[in-house]
């Protein structure tokens, strides 16, 4: 741990993370100040969760039991995780 930083980034959302990683890759010491969740709104409550809900809605067919739709999405998620682990 260091007590000297080249840059202090306020906000650990997508913009702040991009700046911090870029500076870190240049050998700079970077600190964050974040008042909520690392990753920002997009990662935690915006873009990523909404994409999950959109995918579930596209999987759901008229007349389909909601439990069946959830099982299908879960099956696809598990297959993707297994594929990634094999790499």
PDB file of N, CA and C in Angstrom:
ATOM      1  N   UNK A   1       0.849  -1.180   0.000  1.00  0.00           N
ATOM      2  CA  UNK A   1       0.000   0.000   0.000  1.00  0.00           C
ATOM      3  C   UNK A   1       0.890   1.237   0.000  1.00  0.00           C
ATOM      4  N   UNK A   2       0.483   2.204  -0.748  1.00  0.00           N
ATOM      5  CA  UNK A   2       1.271   3.428  -0.848  1.00  0.00           C
ATOM      6  C   UNK A   2       0.480   4.620  -0.313  1.00  0.00           C
ATOM      7  N   UNK A   3       1.176   5.635   0.109  1.00  0.00           N
ATOM      8  CA  UNK A   3       0.492   6.859   0.537  1.00  0.00           C
ATOM      9  C   UNK A   3       0.754   7.997  -0.449  1.00  0.00           C
ATOM     10  N   UNK A   4       1.322   7.646  -1.608  1.00  0.00           N
ATOM     11  CA  UNK A   4       1.565   8.626  -2.666  1.00  0.00           C
ATOM     12  C   UNK A   4       0.867   8.148  -3.934  1.00  0.00           C
ATOM     13  N   UNK A   5       0.090   9.015  -4.541  1.00  0.00           N
ATOM     14  CA  UNK A   5      -0.611   8.674  -5.771  1.00  0.00           C
ATOM     15  C   UNK A   5      -0.347   9.752  -6.808  1.00  0.00           C
ATOM     16  N   UNK A   6      -0.206   9.318  -8.055  1.00  0.00           N
ATOM     17  CA  UNK A   6      -0.072  10.266  -9.151  1.00  0.00           C
ATOM     18  C   UNK A   6      -1.424  10.901  -9.467  1.00  0.00           C
ATOM     19  N   UNK A   7      -2.476  10.091  -9.314  1.00  0.00           N
ATOM     20  CA  UNK A   7      -3.826  10.547  -9.644  1.00  0.00           C
ATOM     21  C   UNK A   7      -4.820   9.950  -8.665  1.00  0.00           C
ATOM     22  N   UNK A   8      -5.814  10.735  -8.288  1.00  0.00           N
ATOM     23  CA  UNK A   8      -6.944  10.230  -7.517  1.00  0.00           C
ATOM     24  C   UNK A   8      -8.171  10.373  -8.410  1.00  0.00           C
ATOM     25  N   UNK A   9      -8.826   9.251  -8.670  1.00  0.00           N
ATOM     26  CA  UNK A   9      -9.998   9.224  -9.541  1.00  0.00           C
ATOM     27  C   UNK A   9     -11.241   9.259  -8.658  1.00  0.00           C
ATOM     28  N   UNK A  10     -12.111  10.214  -8.909  1.00  0.00           N
ATOM     29  CA  UNK A  10     -13.359  10.308  -8.164  1.00  0.00           C
ATOM     30  C   UNK A  10     -14.441   9.621  -8.984  1.00  0.00           C
ATOM     31  N   UNK A  11     -14.922   8.504  -8.466  1.00  0.00           N
ATOM     32  CA  UNK A  11     -15.950   7.724  -9.143  1.00  0.00           C
ATOM     33  C   UNK A  11     -15.364   6.499  -9.806  1.00  0.00           C
ATOM     34  N   UNK A  12     -15.841   5.327  -9.393  1.00  0.00           N
ATOM     35  CA  UNK A  12     -15.344   4.067  -9.949  1.00  0.00           C
ATOM     36  C   UNK A  12     -16.361   3.460 -10.902  1.00  0.00           C
ATOM     37  N   UNK A  13     -17.007   4.324 -11.684  1.00  0.00           N
ATOM     38  CA  UNK A  13     -17.890   3.853 -12.744  1.00  0.00           C
ATOM     39  C   UNK A  13     -17.079   3.527 -13.986  1.00  0.00           C
ATOM     40  N   UNK A  14     -17.759   3.375 -15.108  1.00  0.00           N
ATOM     41  CA  UNK A  14     -17.043   2.968 -16.325  1.00  0.00           C
ATOM     42  C   UNK A  14     -15.998   3.997 -16.745  1.00  0.00           C
ATOM     43  N   UNK A  15     -16.299   5.276 -16.633  1.00  0.00           N
ATOM     44  CA  UNK A  15     -15.322   6.310 -17.001  1.00  0.00           C
ATOM     45  C   UNK A  15     -14.125   6.326 -16.081  1.00  0.00           C
ATOM     46  N   UNK A  16     -14.389   6.306 -14.783  1.00  0.00           N
ATOM     47  CA  UNK A  16     -13.303   6.309 -13.803  1.00  0.00           C
ATOM     48  C   UNK A  16     -12.422   5.080 -13.916  1.00  0.00           C
ATOM     49  N   UNK A  17     -13.053   3.934 -14.142  1.00  0.00           N
ATOM     50  CA  UNK A  17     -12.284   2.692 -14.277  1.00  0.00           C
ATOM     51  C   UNK A  17     -11.394   2.745 -15.519  1.00  0.00           C
ATOM     52  N   UNK A  18     -11.914   3.288 -16.614  1.00  0.00           N
ATOM     53  CA  UNK A  18     -11.132   3.397 -17.849  1.00  0.00           C
ATOM     54  C   UNK A  18      -9.900   4.265 -17.636  1.00  0.00           C
ATOM     55  N   UNK A  19     -10.096   5.410 -16.995  1.00  0.00           N
ATOM     56  CA  UNK A  19      -8.977   6.311 -16.713  1.00  0.00           C
ATOM     57  C   UNK A  19      -7.964   5.629 -15.803  1.00  0.00           C
ATOM     58  N   UNK A  20      -8.437   4.989 -14.740  1.00  0.00           N
ATOM     59  CA  UNK A  20      -7.536   4.359 -13.770  1.00  0.00           C
ATOM     60  C   UNK A  20      -6.721   3.235 -14.397  1.00  0.00           C
ATOM     61  N   UNK A  21      -7.363   2.405 -15.191  1.00  0.00           N
ATOM     62  CA  UNK A  21      -6.640   1.302 -15.837  1.00  0.00           C
ATOM     63  C   UNK A  21      -5.611   1.852 -16.816  1.00  0.00           C
ATOM     64  N   UNK A  22      -5.996   2.853 -17.593  1.00  0.00           N
ATOM     65  CA  UNK A  22      -5.054   3.455 -18.538  1.00  0.00           C
ATOM     66  C   UNK A  22      -3.839   4.035 -17.848  1.00  0.00           C
ATOM     67  N   UNK A  23      -4.060   4.776 -16.769  1.00  0.00           N
ATOM     68  CA  UNK A  23      -2.935   5.356 -16.026  1.00  0.00           C
ATOM     69  C   UNK A  23      -2.090   4.276 -15.359  1.00  0.00           C
ATOM     70  N   UNK A  24      -2.753   3.273 -14.826  1.00  0.00           N
ATOM     71  CA  UNK A  24      -2.025   2.170 -14.194  1.00  0.00           C
ATOM     72  C   UNK A  24      -1.128   1.458 -15.205  1.00  0.00           C
ATOM     73  N   UNK A  25      -1.643   1.282 -16.422  1.00  0.00           N
ATOM     74  CA  UNK A  25      -0.838   0.654 -17.476  1.00  0.00           C
ATOM     75  C   UNK A  25       0.378   1.496 -17.850  1.00  0.00           C
ATOM     76  N   UNK A  26       0.307   2.780 -17.561  1.00  0.00           N
ATOM     77  CA  UNK A  26       1.447   3.670 -17.803  1.00  0.00           C
ATOM     78  C   UNK A  26       2.377   3.752 -16.588  1.00  0.00           C
ATOM     79  N   UNK A  27       2.099   2.922 -15.577  1.00  0.00           N
ATOM     80  CA  UNK A  27       2.961   2.867 -14.398  1.00  0.00           C
ATOM     81  C   UNK A  27       2.616   3.871 -13.310  1.00  0.00           C
ATOM     82  N   UNK A  28       1.462   4.490 -13.408  1.00  0.00           N
ATOM     83  CA  UNK A  28       1.061   5.488 -12.417  1.00  0.00           C
ATOM     84  C   UNK A  28       0.370   4.818 -11.226  1.00  0.00           C
ATOM     85  N   UNK A  29       0.537   5.412 -10.055  1.00  0.00           N
ATOM     86  CA  UNK A  29      -0.169   4.976  -8.850  1.00  0.00           C
ATOM     87  C   UNK A  29      -1.515   5.698  -8.829  1.00  0.00           C
ATOM     88  N   UNK A  30      -2.604   4.933  -8.762  1.00  0.00           N
ATOM     89  CA  UNK A  30      -3.943   5.505  -8.853  1.00  0.00           C
ATOM     90  C   UNK A  30      -4.761   5.098  -7.634  1.00  0.00           C
ATOM     91  N   UNK A  31      -5.518   6.047  -7.090  1.00  0.00           N
ATOM     92  CA  UNK A  31      -6.455   5.769  -5.999  1.00  0.00           C
ATOM     93  C   UNK A  31      -7.861   6.135  -6.467  1.00  0.00           C
ATOM     94  N   UNK A  32      -8.860   5.454  -5.896  1.00  0.00           N
ATOM     95  CA  UNK A  32     -10.263   5.735  -6.179  1.00  0.00           C
ATOM     96  C   UNK A  32     -10.931   6.353  -4.968  1.00  0.00           C
ATOM     97  N   UNK A  33     -11.875   7.226  -5.227  1.00  0.00           N
ATOM     98  CA  UNK A  33     -12.838   7.650  -4.217  1.00  0.00           C
ATOM     99  C   UNK A  33     -14.202   7.300  -4.806  1.00  0.00           C
ATOM    100  N   UNK A  34     -14.912   6.403  -4.149  1.00  0.00           N
ATOM    101  CA  UNK A  34     -16.215   5.947  -4.646  1.00  0.00           C
ATOM    102  C   UNK A  34     -17.205   5.946  -3.493  1.00  0.00           C
ATOM    103  N   UNK A  35     -18.331   6.595  -3.678  1.00  0.00           N
ATOM    104  CA  UNK A  35     -19.323   6.709  -2.618  1.00  0.00           C
ATOM    105  C   UNK A  35     -20.348   5.597  -2.594  1.00  0.00           C
ATOM    106  N   UNK A  36     -20.404   4.799  -3.649  1.00  0.00           N
ATOM    107  CA  UNK A  36     -21.423   3.755  -3.714  1.00  0.00           C
ATOM    108  C   UNK A  36     -20.777   2.429  -4.098  1.00  0.00           C
ATOM    109  N   UNK A  37     -21.142   1.907  -5.259  1.00  0.00           N
ATOM    110  CA  UNK A  37     -20.650   0.603  -5.686  1.00  0.00           C
ATOM    111  C   UNK A  37     -19.624   0.751  -6.807  1.00  0.00           C
ATOM    112  N   UNK A  38     -18.538  -0.001  -6.705  1.00  0.00           N
ATOM    113  CA  UNK A  38     -17.550  -0.032  -7.781  1.00  0.00           C
ATOM    114  C   UNK A  38     -18.231  -0.594  -9.025  1.00  0.00           C
ATOM    115  N   UNK A  39     -17.997   0.027 -10.135  1.00  0.00           N
ATOM    116  CA  UNK A  39     -18.608  -0.386 -11.388  1.00  0.00           C
ATOM    117  C   UNK A  39     -19.658   0.598 -11.866  1.00  0.00           C
ATOM    118  N   UNK A  40     -20.164   1.408 -10.961  1.00  0.00           N
ATOM    119  CA  UNK A  40     -21.135   2.432 -11.330  1.00  0.00           C
ATOM    120  C   UNK A  40     -22.529   1.901 -11.571  1.00  0.00           C
ATOM    121  N   UNK A  41     -23.399   2.809 -11.963  1.00  0.00           N
ATOM    122  CA  UNK A  41     -24.806   2.462 -12.160  1.00  0.00           C
ATOM    123  C   UNK A  41     -25.008   1.463 -13.290  1.00  0.00           C
ATOM    124  N   UNK A  42     -24.273   1.616 -14.383  1.00  0.00           N
ATOM    125  CA  UNK A  42     -24.470   0.727 -15.531  1.00  0.00           C
ATOM    126  C   UNK A  42     -24.249  -0.731 -15.143  1.00  0.00           C
ATOM    127  N   UNK A  43     -23.179  -1.002 -14.446  1.00  0.00           N
ATOM    128  CA  UNK A  43     -22.855  -2.368 -14.054  1.00  0.00           C
ATOM    129  C   UNK A  43     -23.812  -2.911 -13.010  1.00  0.00           C
ATOM    130  N   UNK A  44     -24.189  -2.092 -12.052  1.00  0.00           N
ATOM    131  CA  UNK A  44     -24.929  -2.583 -10.895  1.00  0.00           C
ATOM    132  C   UNK A  44     -26.447  -2.478 -10.993  1.00  0.00           C
ATOM    133  N   UNK A  45     -26.967  -1.447 -11.623  1.00  0.00           N
ATOM    134  CA  UNK A  45     -28.422  -1.285 -11.656  1.00  0.00           C
ATOM    135  C   UNK A  45     -28.968  -0.878 -13.021  1.00  0.00           C
ATOM    136  N   UNK A  46     -28.099  -0.587 -13.971  1.00  0.00           N
ATOM    137  CA  UNK A  46     -28.567  -0.076 -15.257  1.00  0.00           C
ATOM    138  C   UNK A  46     -28.443  -1.071 -16.378  1.00  0.00           C
ATOM    139  N   UNK A  47     -27.416  -0.904 -17.183  1.00  0.00           N
ATOM    140  CA  UNK A  47     -27.238  -1.642 -18.441  1.00  0.00           C
ATOM    141  C   UNK A  47     -27.207  -3.156 -18.271  1.00  0.00           C
ATOM    142  N   UNK A  48     -26.361  -3.650 -17.394  1.00  0.00           N
ATOM    143  CA  UNK A  48     -26.173  -5.102 -17.274  1.00  0.00           C
ATOM    144  C   UNK A  48     -27.440  -5.783 -16.767  1.00  0.00           C
ATOM    145  N   UNK A  49     -28.044  -5.318 -15.655  1.00  0.00           N
ATOM    146  CA  UNK A  49     -29.288  -5.966 -15.222  1.00  0.00           C
ATOM    147  C   UNK A  49     -30.406  -5.865 -16.253  1.00  0.00           C
ATOM    148  N   UNK A  50     -30.498  -4.734 -16.958  1.00  0.00           N
ATOM    149  CA  UNK A  50     -31.565  -4.597 -17.950  1.00  0.00           C
ATOM    150  C   UNK A  50     -31.355  -5.560 -19.111  1.00  0.00           C
ATOM    151  N   UNK A  51     -30.109  -5.816 -19.499  1.00  0.00           N
ATOM    152  CA  UNK A  51     -29.845  -6.776 -20.576  1.00  0.00           C
ATOM    153  C   UNK A  51     -30.295  -8.174 -20.170  1.00  0.00           C
ATOM    154  N   UNK A  52     -30.125  -8.515 -18.899  1.00  0.00           N
ATOM    155  CA  UNK A  52     -30.579  -9.812 -18.401  1.00  0.00           C
ATOM    156  C   UNK A  52     -32.096  -9.906 -18.506  1.00  0.00           C
ATOM    157  N   UNK A  53     -32.788  -8.857 -18.100  1.00  0.00           N
ATOM    158  CA  UNK A  53     -34.251  -8.859 -18.175  1.00  0.00           C
ATOM    159  C   UNK A  53     -34.735  -8.891 -19.620  1.00  0.00           C
ATOM    160  N   UNK A  54     -34.058  -8.172 -20.513  1.00  0.00           N
ATOM    161  CA  UNK A  54     -34.430  -8.187 -21.931  1.00  0.00           C
ATOM    162  C   UNK A  54     -34.259  -9.591 -22.501  1.00  0.00           C
ATOM    163  N   UNK A  55     -33.153 -10.258 -22.148  1.00  0.00           N
ATOM    164  CA  UNK A  55     -32.924 -11.618 -22.637  1.00  0.00           C
ATOM    165  C   UNK A  55     -34.019 -12.554 -22.135  1.00  0.00           C
ATOM    166  N   UNK A  56     -34.390 -12.423 -20.860  1.00  0.00           N
ATOM    167  CA  UNK A  56     -35.451 -13.261 -20.307  1.00  0.00           C
ATOM    168  C   UNK A  56     -36.758 -13.005 -21.047  1.00  0.00           C
ATOM    169  N   UNK A  57     -37.053 -11.732 -21.335  1.00  0.00           N
ATOM    170  CA  UNK A  57     -38.285 -11.398 -22.052  1.00  0.00           C
ATOM    171  C   UNK A  57     -38.289 -12.001 -23.455  1.00  0.00           C
ATOM    172  N   UNK A  58     -37.141 -12.022 -24.123  1.00  0.00           N
ATOM    173  CA  UNK A  58     -37.059 -12.606 -25.466  1.00  0.00           C
ATOM    174  C   UNK A  58     -37.192 -14.123 -25.421  1.00  0.00           C
ATOM    175  N   UNK A  59     -36.765 -14.733 -24.317  1.00  0.00           N
ATOM    176  CA  UNK A  59     -36.872 -16.184 -24.173  1.00  0.00           C
ATOM    177  C   UNK A  59     -38.316 -16.596 -23.911  1.00  0.00           C
ATOM    178  N   UNK A  60     -39.037 -15.737 -23.210  1.00  0.00           N
ATOM    179  CA  UNK A  60     -40.415 -16.015 -22.820  1.00  0.00           C
ATOM    180  C   UNK A  60     -41.316 -15.977 -24.045  1.00  0.00           C
ATOM    181  N   UNK A  61     -42.038 -17.045 -24.294  1.00  0.00           N
ATOM    182  CA  UNK A  61     -42.957 -17.146 -25.430  1.00  0.00           C
ATOM    183  C   UNK A  61     -44.396 -17.044 -24.911  1.00  0.00           C
ATOM    184  N   UNK A  62     -45.324 -16.535 -25.740  1.00  0.00           N
ATOM    185  CA  UNK A  62     -46.725 -16.465 -25.304  1.00  0.00           C
ATOM    186  C   UNK A  62     -47.221 -17.839 -24.860  1.00  0.00           C
ATOM    187  N   UNK A  63     -47.880 -17.869 -23.716  1.00  0.00           N
ATOM    188  CA  UNK A  63     -48.404 -19.123 -23.185  1.00  0.00           C
ATOM    189  C   UNK A  63     -47.386 -19.944 -22.418  1.00  0.00           C
ATOM    190  N   UNK A  64     -46.140 -19.495 -22.402  1.00  0.00           N
ATOM    191  CA  UNK A  64     -45.080 -20.232 -21.706  1.00  0.00           C
ATOM    192  C   UNK A  64     -45.169 -19.986 -20.200  1.00  0.00           C
ATOM    193  N   UNK A  65     -44.970 -21.023 -19.457  1.00  0.00           N
ATOM    194  CA  UNK A  65     -44.933 -20.922 -18.003  1.00  0.00           C
ATOM    195  C   UNK A  65     -43.690 -20.125 -17.610  1.00  0.00           C
ATOM    196  N   UNK A  66     -43.818 -19.102 -16.752  1.00  0.00           N
ATOM    197  CA  UNK A  66     -42.644 -18.308 -16.352  1.00  0.00           C
ATOM    198  C   UNK A  66     -41.509 -19.155 -15.772  1.00  0.00           C
ATOM    199  N   UNK A  67     -41.855 -20.222 -15.066  1.00  0.00           N
ATOM    200  CA  UNK A  67     -40.815 -21.095 -14.508  1.00  0.00           C
ATOM    201  C   UNK A  67     -40.021 -21.775 -15.617  1.00  0.00           C
ATOM    202  N   UNK A  68     -40.709 -22.150 -16.708  1.00  0.00           N
ATOM    203  CA  UNK A  68     -40.015 -22.772 -17.838  1.00  0.00           C
ATOM    204  C   UNK A  68     -39.061 -21.781 -18.502  1.00  0.00           C
ATOM    205  N   UNK A  69     -39.484 -20.530 -18.628  1.00  0.00           N
ATOM    206  CA  UNK A  69     -38.616 -19.507 -19.217  1.00  0.00           C
ATOM    207  C   UNK A  69     -37.379 -19.303 -18.360  1.00  0.00           C
ATOM    208  N   UNK A  70     -37.563 -19.235 -17.060  1.00  0.00           N
ATOM    209  CA  UNK A  70     -36.427 -19.052 -16.154  1.00  0.00           C
ATOM    210  C   UNK A  70     -35.481 -20.245 -16.223  1.00  0.00           C
ATOM    211  N   UNK A  71     -36.034 -21.449 -16.298  1.00  0.00           N
ATOM    212  CA  UNK A  71     -35.177 -22.646 -16.423  1.00  0.00           C
ATOM    213  C   UNK A  71     -34.364 -22.605 -17.715  1.00  0.00           C
ATOM    214  N   UNK A  72     -34.980 -22.143 -18.803  1.00  0.00           N
ATOM    215  CA  UNK A  72     -34.280 -22.060 -20.090  1.00  0.00           C
ATOM    216  C   UNK A  72     -33.130 -21.061 -20.027  1.00  0.00           C
ATOM    217  N   UNK A  73     -33.382 -19.898 -19.445  1.00  0.00           N
ATOM    218  CA  UNK A  73     -32.324 -18.898 -19.303  1.00  0.00           C
ATOM    219  C   UNK A  73     -31.213 -19.431 -18.405  1.00  0.00           C
ATOM    220  N   UNK A  74     -31.578 -20.096 -17.321  1.00  0.00           N
ATOM    221  CA  UNK A  74     -30.589 -20.670 -16.401  1.00  0.00           C
ATOM    222  C   UNK A  74     -29.761 -21.739 -17.108  1.00  0.00           C
ATOM    223  N   UNK A  75     -30.413 -22.563 -17.927  1.00  0.00           N
ATOM    224  CA  UNK A  75     -29.700 -23.606 -18.678  1.00  0.00           C
ATOM    225  C   UNK A  75     -28.679 -22.975 -19.621  1.00  0.00           C
ATOM    226  N   UNK A  76     -29.088 -21.918 -20.322  1.00  0.00           N
ATOM    227  CA  UNK A  76     -28.171 -21.237 -21.245  1.00  0.00           C
ATOM    228  C   UNK A  76     -27.007 -20.598 -20.485  1.00  0.00           C
ATOM    229  N   UNK A  77     -27.304 -19.993 -19.349  1.00  0.00           N
ATOM    230  CA  UNK A  77     -26.253 -19.364 -18.536  1.00  0.00           C
ATOM    231  C   UNK A  77     -25.246 -20.408 -18.073  1.00  0.00           C
ATOM    232  N   UNK A  78     -25.750 -21.543 -17.589  1.00  0.00           N
ATOM    233  CA  UNK A  78     -24.859 -22.592 -17.101  1.00  0.00           C
ATOM    234  C   UNK A  78     -23.998 -23.164 -18.224  1.00  0.00           C
ATOM    235  N   UNK A  79     -24.578 -23.313 -19.414  1.00  0.00           N
ATOM    236  CA  UNK A  79     -23.816 -23.812 -20.561  1.00  0.00           C
ATOM    237  C   UNK A  79     -22.715 -22.824 -20.939  1.00  0.00           C
ATOM    238  N   UNK A  80     -23.019 -21.530 -20.881  1.00  0.00           N
ATOM    239  CA  UNK A  80     -22.014 -20.510 -21.190  1.00  0.00           C
ATOM    240  C   UNK A  80     -20.892 -20.522 -20.159  1.00  0.00           C
ATOM    241  N   UNK A  81     -21.235 -20.646 -18.888  1.00  0.00           N
ATOM    242  CA  UNK A  81     -20.209 -20.714 -17.834  1.00  0.00           C
ATOM    243  C   UNK A  81     -19.299 -21.922 -18.035  1.00  0.00           C
ATOM    244  N   UNK A  82     -19.902 -23.059 -18.355  1.00  0.00           N
ATOM    245  CA  UNK A  82     -19.114 -24.276 -18.566  1.00  0.00           C
ATOM    246  C   UNK A  82     -18.167 -24.098 -19.753  1.00  0.00           C
ATOM    247  N   UNK A  83     -18.652 -23.492 -20.820  1.00  0.00           N
ATOM    248  CA  UNK A  83     -17.827 -23.251 -22.006  1.00  0.00           C
ATOM    249  C   UNK A  83     -16.653 -22.333 -21.666  1.00  0.00           C
ATOM    250  N   UNK A  84     -16.907 -21.280 -20.884  1.00  0.00           N
ATOM    251  CA  UNK A  84     -15.844 -20.351 -20.500  1.00  0.00           C
ATOM    252  C   UNK A  84     -14.812 -21.023 -19.610  1.00  0.00           C
ATOM    253  N   UNK A  85     -15.248 -21.920 -18.727  1.00  0.00           N
ATOM    254  CA  UNK A  85     -14.319 -22.598 -17.822  1.00  0.00           C
ATOM    255  C   UNK A  85     -13.389 -23.546 -18.566  1.00  0.00           C
ATOM    256  N   UNK A  86     -13.831 -24.074 -19.697  1.00  0.00           N
ATOM    257  CA  UNK A  86     -13.016 -25.000 -20.478  1.00  0.00           C
ATOM    258  C   UNK A  86     -11.892 -24.299 -21.217  1.00  0.00           C
ATOM    259  N   UNK A  87     -12.011 -22.979 -21.391  1.00  0.00           N
ATOM    260  CA  UNK A  87     -10.981 -22.222 -22.124  1.00  0.00           C
ATOM    261  C   UNK A  87      -9.744 -22.057 -21.296  1.00  0.00           C
TER     262      UNK A  87
END
